[in-house]
Amino acid sequence: MSVPYRITIRVSESTMKKLEQLVESYHYESVSDVIRKAIDVLIERDYKDQGIEHLNVTVSRSLLDELNIKMETEETLPLEDIIKAALREYTSREMKKEMKELMDELKEKDS
């Protein structure tokens, strides 16, 4: 692959060992390939273009299991259903966190 720019960086020995392990474990051709992939992932995750933002949502194992069961039993599972389920779970989890924080604040004020 021909790329027009070269970047030189320094990393610790432990970071270099981890990069080399990634090359071996995931069959990258070189440490440079791992770093290029990491840069691509970072840009995809954080780059904001034309007002569009990415939301990375972590879903529970139970939701993944539920979606896998649905995918096995149905010919297709609409992407919309997957997104709705993930967002519903994410919203519920975040609301529980917020409610707990509010309750803790109220308890502190009452004390």
Protein backbone atom coordinates (compact mmCIF):
# COMPACT_ATOMS: atom_id res chain seq x y z
CA MET A 1 0.00 0.00 0.00
CA SER A 2 1.46 3.34 -1.01
CA VAL A 3 0.70 6.22 1.33
CA PRO A 4 1.92 9.77 0.81
CA TYR A 5 2.73 10.64 4.44
CA ARG A 6 5.10 9.21 7.00
CA ILE A 7 4.70 9.74 10.74
CA THR A 8 7.39 8.81 13.23
CA ILE A 9 6.37 8.07 16.81
CA ARG A 10 8.03 6.68 19.91
CA VAL A 11 6.32 4.11 22.14
CA SER A 12 7.30 2.29 25.30
CA GLU A 13 8.69 -1.21 25.22
CA SER A 14 5.49 -2.63 26.70
CA THR A 15 3.38 -0.89 24.05
CA MET A 16 5.64 -2.24 21.32
CA LYS A 17 5.31 -5.77 22.69
CA LYS A 18 1.52 -5.42 22.68
CA LEU A 19 1.58 -4.14 19.10
CA GLU A 20 3.73 -7.10 18.06
CA GLN A 21 1.28 -9.46 19.80
CA LEU A 22 -1.55 -7.91 17.79
CA VAL A 23 0.40 -8.56 14.59
CA GLU A 24 0.75 -12.22 15.54
CA SER A 25 -2.74 -12.71 16.96
CA TYR A 26 -4.69 -10.98 14.22
CA HIS A 27 -2.43 -11.71 11.27
CA TYR A 28 -1.56 -8.12 10.44
CA GLU A 29 1.39 -7.78 8.13
CA SER A 30 3.24 -5.36 10.38
CA VAL A 31 3.05 -3.07 13.38
CA SER A 32 2.46 -0.22 10.92
CA ASP A 33 -0.71 -1.98 9.74
CA VAL A 34 -1.93 -2.23 13.34
CA ILE A 35 -1.27 1.48 13.91
CA ARG A 36 -3.01 2.43 10.63
CA LYS A 37 -6.02 0.35 11.68
CA ALA A 38 -6.05 1.98 15.13
CA ILE A 39 -5.95 5.43 13.54
CA ASP A 40 -8.81 4.50 11.19
CA VAL A 41 -10.90 3.25 14.12
CA LEU A 42 -10.17 6.38 16.15
CA ILE A 43 -11.08 8.68 13.27
CA GLU A 44 -14.26 6.73 12.53
CA ARG A 45 -15.24 6.86 16.20
CA ASP A 46 -14.41 10.48 16.94
CA TYR A 47 -14.56 12.35 13.67
CA LYS A 48 -17.59 14.55 13.45
CA ASP A 49 -18.66 15.40 9.93
CA GLN A 50 -21.58 17.57 8.88
CA GLY A 51 -23.17 17.53 12.33
CA ILE A 52 -23.28 13.74 12.49
CA GLU A 53 -22.02 12.17 15.68
CA HIS A 54 -21.36 8.53 16.42
CA LEU A 55 -22.72 6.91 19.53
CA ASN A 56 -20.88 3.84 20.72
CA VAL A 57 -23.24 1.73 22.76
CA THR A 58 -22.18 -1.18 24.90
CA VAL A 59 -24.89 -3.80 25.14
CA SER A 60 -25.32 -6.54 27.69
CA ARG A 61 -24.59 -10.17 27.03
CA SER A 62 -28.31 -10.91 27.54
CA LEU A 63 -29.29 -8.50 24.75
CA LEU A 64 -26.68 -10.01 22.43
CA ASP A 65 -27.98 -13.48 23.25
CA GLU A 66 -31.55 -12.34 22.59
CA LEU A 67 -30.58 -10.82 19.25
CA ASN A 68 -28.65 -13.95 18.28
CA ILE A 69 -31.70 -16.12 19.03
CA LYS A 70 -33.90 -13.84 16.93
CA MET A 71 -31.40 -13.95 14.08
CA GLU A 72 -31.31 -17.76 14.20
CA THR A 73 -35.09 -18.12 14.17
CA GLU A 74 -35.95 -15.40 11.65
CA GLU A 75 -34.69 -15.04 8.11
CA THR A 76 -33.79 -11.42 8.66
CA LEU A 77 -33.67 -9.14 11.64
CA PRO A 78 -34.27 -5.53 10.66
CA LEU A 79 -31.43 -3.21 11.60
CA GLU A 80 -34.03 -0.87 13.04
CA ASP A 81 -35.01 -3.54 15.59
CA ILE A 82 -31.41 -4.04 16.63
CA ILE A 83 -30.86 -0.31 17.03
CA LYS A 84 -34.08 0.12 19.00
CA ALA A 85 -33.17 -2.71 21.37
CA ALA A 86 -29.64 -1.38 21.93
CA LEU A 87 -30.85 2.17 22.49
CA ARG A 88 -33.63 1.03 24.80
CA GLU A 89 -31.14 -0.87 26.94
CA TYR A 90 -28.61 2.00 26.85
CA THR A 91 -31.25 4.57 27.80
CA SER A 92 -32.55 2.43 30.64
CA ARG A 93 -29.04 1.90 32.02
CA GLU A 94 -28.18 5.60 31.81
CA MET A 95 -31.48 6.62 33.43
CA LYS A 96 -30.85 4.23 36.32
CA LYS A 97 -27.41 5.79 36.82
CA GLU A 98 -28.87 9.30 36.77
CA MET A 99 -31.64 8.36 39.19
CA LYS A 100 -29.13 6.80 41.58
CA GLU A 101 -26.98 9.92 41.47
CA LEU A 102 -30.02 12.14 42.13
CA MET A 103 -31.13 9.95 45.02
CA ASP A 104 -27.62 10.03 46.49
CA GLU A 105 -27.58 13.83 46.23
CA LEU A 106 -30.97 14.07 47.93
CA LYS A 107 -29.78 11.79 50.74
CA GLU A 108 -26.71 13.97 51.23
CA LYS A 109 -28.85 17.11 51.45
CA ASP A 110 -31.17 15.48 53.98
CA SER A 111 -28.23 14.45 56.17
